[in-house]
Amino acid sequence: MDIGSAIIGDVVILELALQAGQSDASGSRAFRETLVGRLGDLRKLLIDLSGVEYLNSRLLGILVSGVNAAIERGAEVRLIGMRPAIREVFRVTRLDRIYEIRDSREDALASYSTDSGAAV
């Protein structure tokens, strides 16, 4: 898995990329370390999954654990860029009812300034 990061205003953006057949062991560990390393001062997090072609149970578990840790520390979290198969995983596991999933980066970024500040 490849992980890119950017900051737009006060929003930290993590861009994940995982191709089918690509090993995710070291990438999963790197994602966890990157997310946990940023949690201290993190208030707004946007996770872009547009580069993720598949999501296995290990990566889903790490993603859920990291997102939950961010939310517990008061961060507002948005997920974007889900391919249909990834979105289906979130639907079947009902994570789409727990996490805020947006259609585009622009929509997600705009939602931070218009929301009341409650973690989602």
C-alpha atoms as a PDB file:
ATOM      1  CA  MET A   1       0.000   0.000   0.000  1.00  0.00           C
ATOM      2  CA  ASP A   2       1.172   3.481  -0.808  1.00  0.00           C
ATOM      3  CA  ILE A   3       0.265   6.397   1.433  1.00  0.00           C
ATOM      4  CA  GLY A   4       0.383  10.025   0.465  1.00  0.00           C
ATOM      5  CA  SER A   5      -0.516  12.938   2.655  1.00  0.00           C
ATOM      6  CA  ALA A   6      -1.347  16.574   2.190  1.00  0.00           C
ATOM      7  CA  ILE A   7      -2.719  19.415   4.238  1.00  0.00           C
ATOM      8  CA  ILE A   8      -5.348  21.806   2.944  1.00  0.00           C
ATOM      9  CA  GLY A   9      -6.056  24.499   5.498  1.00  0.00           C
ATOM     10  CA  ASP A  10      -6.576  22.615   8.740  1.00  0.00           C
ATOM     11  CA  VAL A  11      -7.569  19.330   7.074  1.00  0.00           C
ATOM     12  CA  VAL A  12      -5.086  16.452   6.937  1.00  0.00           C
ATOM     13  CA  ILE A  13      -5.645  14.331   3.837  1.00  0.00           C
ATOM     14  CA  LEU A  14      -4.381  10.758   3.688  1.00  0.00           C
ATOM     15  CA  GLU A  15      -4.415   9.242   0.197  1.00  0.00           C
ATOM     16  CA  LEU A  16      -4.297   5.462   0.169  1.00  0.00           C
ATOM     17  CA  ALA A  17      -3.428   3.322  -2.832  1.00  0.00           C
ATOM     18  CA  LEU A  18      -3.552  -0.464  -2.944  1.00  0.00           C
ATOM     19  CA  GLN A  19      -3.681  -2.398  -6.187  1.00  0.00           C
ATOM     20  CA  ALA A  20      -5.173  -5.856  -6.536  1.00  0.00           C
ATOM     21  CA  GLY A  21      -2.473  -8.433  -5.907  1.00  0.00           C
ATOM     22  CA  GLN A  22      -0.227  -5.963  -4.095  1.00  0.00           C
ATOM     23  CA  SER A  23       0.925  -7.044  -0.657  1.00  0.00           C
ATOM     24  CA  ASP A  24      -0.498  -4.843   2.053  1.00  0.00           C
ATOM     25  CA  ALA A  25       1.422  -6.069   5.115  1.00  0.00           C
ATOM     26  CA  SER A  26       3.992  -3.276   5.264  1.00  0.00           C
ATOM     27  CA  GLY A  27       1.489  -0.756   3.910  1.00  0.00           C
ATOM     28  CA  SER A  28      -1.041  -1.599   6.598  1.00  0.00           C
ATOM     29  CA  ARG A  29       1.600  -1.076   9.245  1.00  0.00           C
ATOM     30  CA  ALA A  30       2.653   2.218   7.619  1.00  0.00           C
ATOM     31  CA  PHE A  31      -0.966   3.404   7.471  1.00  0.00           C
ATOM     32  CA  ARG A  32      -1.463   2.660  11.153  1.00  0.00           C
ATOM     33  CA  GLU A  33       1.790   4.431  12.084  1.00  0.00           C
ATOM     34  CA  THR A  34       0.968   7.445   9.891  1.00  0.00           C
ATOM     35  CA  LEU A  35      -2.528   7.787  11.312  1.00  0.00           C
ATOM     36  CA  VAL A  36      -1.501   7.264  14.926  1.00  0.00           C
ATOM     37  CA  GLY A  37       1.431   9.638  14.466  1.00  0.00           C
ATOM     38  CA  ARG A  38      -0.909  12.387  13.321  1.00  0.00           C
ATOM     39  CA  LEU A  39      -3.618  11.880  15.935  1.00  0.00           C
ATOM     40  CA  GLY A  40      -2.159  14.192  18.551  1.00  0.00           C
ATOM     41  CA  ASP A  41      -2.954  17.454  16.788  1.00  0.00           C
ATOM     42  CA  LEU A  42      -5.496  16.149  14.320  1.00  0.00           C
ATOM     43  CA  ARG A  43      -8.950  17.706  14.276  1.00  0.00           C
ATOM     44  CA  LYS A  44     -10.026  17.208  10.667  1.00  0.00           C
ATOM     45  CA  LEU A  45      -9.112  14.094   8.714  1.00  0.00           C
ATOM     46  CA  LEU A  46     -10.008  13.201   5.144  1.00  0.00           C
ATOM     47  CA  ILE A  47      -9.151   9.687   3.967  1.00  0.00           C
ATOM     48  CA  ASP A  48      -9.108   9.296   0.193  1.00  0.00           C
ATOM     49  CA  LEU A  49      -9.661   5.685  -0.858  1.00  0.00           C
ATOM     50  CA  SER A  50      -9.770   6.331  -4.619  1.00  0.00           C
ATOM     51  CA  GLY A  51      -6.489   4.453  -5.100  1.00  0.00           C
ATOM     52  CA  VAL A  52      -7.680   1.368  -3.201  1.00  0.00           C
ATOM     53  CA  GLU A  53      -8.748  -1.388  -5.589  1.00  0.00           C
ATOM     54  CA  TYR A  54      -9.649  -3.925  -2.919  1.00  0.00           C
ATOM     55  CA  LEU A  55     -10.095  -4.010   0.830  1.00  0.00           C
ATOM     56  CA  ASN A  56      -9.359  -7.165   2.771  1.00  0.00           C
ATOM     57  CA  SER A  57     -10.355  -7.794   6.368  1.00  0.00           C
ATOM     58  CA  ARG A  58      -6.925  -6.868   7.725  1.00  0.00           C
ATOM     59  CA  LEU A  59      -6.871  -3.459   6.052  1.00  0.00           C
ATOM     60  CA  LEU A  60     -10.520  -2.845   6.923  1.00  0.00           C
ATOM     61  CA  GLY A  61      -9.737  -3.583  10.567  1.00  0.00           C
ATOM     62  CA  ILE A  62      -6.786  -1.197  10.584  1.00  0.00           C
ATOM     63  CA  LEU A  63      -8.841   1.480   8.844  1.00  0.00           C
ATOM     64  CA  VAL A  64     -11.717   1.123  11.319  1.00  0.00           C
ATOM     65  CA  SER A  65      -9.333   1.106  14.283  1.00  0.00           C
ATOM     66  CA  GLY A  66      -7.534   4.218  13.065  1.00  0.00           C
ATOM     67  CA  VAL A  67     -10.704   6.109  12.217  1.00  0.00           C
ATOM     68  CA  ASN A  68     -12.246   5.223  15.575  1.00  0.00           C
ATOM     69  CA  ALA A  69      -9.111   6.389  17.401  1.00  0.00           C
ATOM     70  CA  ALA A  70      -9.239   9.702  15.518  1.00  0.00           C
ATOM     71  CA  ILE A  71     -12.925  10.161  16.350  1.00  0.00           C
ATOM     72  CA  GLU A  72     -12.333   9.313  20.027  1.00  0.00           C
ATOM     73  CA  ARG A  73      -9.745  12.101  20.129  1.00  0.00           C
ATOM     74  CA  GLY A  74     -12.238  14.578  18.742  1.00  0.00           C
ATOM     75  CA  ALA A  75     -11.372  14.521  15.047  1.00  0.00           C
ATOM     76  CA  GLU A  76     -13.954  14.984  12.330  1.00  0.00           C
ATOM     77  CA  VAL A  77     -13.385  12.215   9.788  1.00  0.00           C
ATOM     78  CA  ARG A  78     -14.582  11.950   6.203  1.00  0.00           C
ATOM     79  CA  LEU A  79     -14.024   9.149   3.698  1.00  0.00           C
ATOM     80  CA  ILE A  80     -14.017   9.744  -0.052  1.00  0.00           C
ATOM     81  CA  GLY A  81     -13.164   8.058  -3.322  1.00  0.00           C
ATOM     82  CA  MET A  82     -14.686   4.647  -2.752  1.00  0.00           C
ATOM     83  CA  ARG A  83     -14.903   2.354  -5.744  1.00  0.00           C
ATOM     84  CA  PRO A  84     -18.188   0.422  -5.976  1.00  0.00           C
ATOM     85  CA  ALA A  85     -16.669  -2.755  -4.488  1.00  0.00           C
ATOM     86  CA  ILE A  86     -15.218  -0.836  -1.537  1.00  0.00           C
ATOM     87  CA  ARG A  87     -18.474   1.010  -0.975  1.00  0.00           C
ATOM     88  CA  GLU A  88     -20.262  -2.359  -0.966  1.00  0.00           C
ATOM     89  CA  VAL A  89     -17.950  -3.582   1.811  1.00  0.00           C
ATOM     90  CA  PHE A  90     -18.923  -0.516   3.845  1.00  0.00           C
ATOM     91  CA  ARG A  91     -22.608  -1.127   3.089  1.00  0.00           C
ATOM     92  CA  VAL A  92     -22.548  -4.829   3.994  1.00  0.00           C
ATOM     93  CA  THR A  93     -20.654  -4.153   7.224  1.00  0.00           C
ATOM     94  CA  ARG A  94     -22.921  -1.164   7.919  1.00  0.00           C
ATOM     95  CA  LEU A  95     -19.909   1.082   8.307  1.00  0.00           C
ATOM     96  CA  ASP A  96     -21.602   3.447   5.878  1.00  0.00           C
ATOM     97  CA  ARG A  97     -24.051   4.193   8.703  1.00  0.00           C
ATOM     98  CA  ILE A  98     -21.251   4.960  11.141  1.00  0.00           C
ATOM     99  CA  TYR A  99     -18.758   6.949   9.065  1.00  0.00           C
ATOM    100  CA  GLU A 100     -19.358   9.995   6.947  1.00  0.00           C
ATOM    101  CA  ILE A 101     -18.739   9.088   3.318  1.00  0.00           C
ATOM    102  CA  ARG A 102     -18.651  11.908   0.796  1.00  0.00           C
ATOM    103  CA  ASP A 103     -18.743  11.814  -2.991  1.00  0.00           C
ATOM    104  CA  SER A 104     -15.859  14.191  -3.679  1.00  0.00           C
ATOM    105  CA  ARG A 105     -12.924  15.939  -2.062  1.00  0.00           C
ATOM    106  CA  GLU A 106     -14.599  19.292  -2.607  1.00  0.00           C
ATOM    107  CA  ASP A 107     -17.800  18.111  -0.929  1.00  0.00           C
ATOM    108  CA  ALA A 108     -15.863  16.694   2.019  1.00  0.00           C
ATOM    109  CA  LEU A 109     -13.737  19.819   2.483  1.00  0.00           C
ATOM    110  CA  ALA A 110     -16.823  22.030   2.364  1.00  0.00           C
ATOM    111  CA  SER A 111     -18.562  19.841   4.949  1.00  0.00           C
ATOM    112  CA  TYR A 112     -16.000  20.652   7.632  1.00  0.00           C
ATOM    113  CA  SER A 113     -16.793  24.340   7.639  1.00  0.00           C
ATOM    114  CA  THR A 114     -20.569  23.858   7.500  1.00  0.00           C
ATOM    115  CA  ASP A 115     -20.887  21.099  10.107  1.00  0.00           C
ATOM    116  CA  SER A 116     -21.441  21.922  13.750  1.00  0.00           C
ATOM    117  CA  GLY A 117     -18.098  20.370  14.654  1.00  0.00           C
ATOM    118  CA  ALA A 118     -19.464  17.097  15.952  1.00  0.00           C
ATOM    119  CA  ALA A 119     -17.296  14.094  15.206  1.00  0.00           C
ATOM    120  CA  VAL A 120     -18.883  11.716  12.767  1.00  0.00           C
END
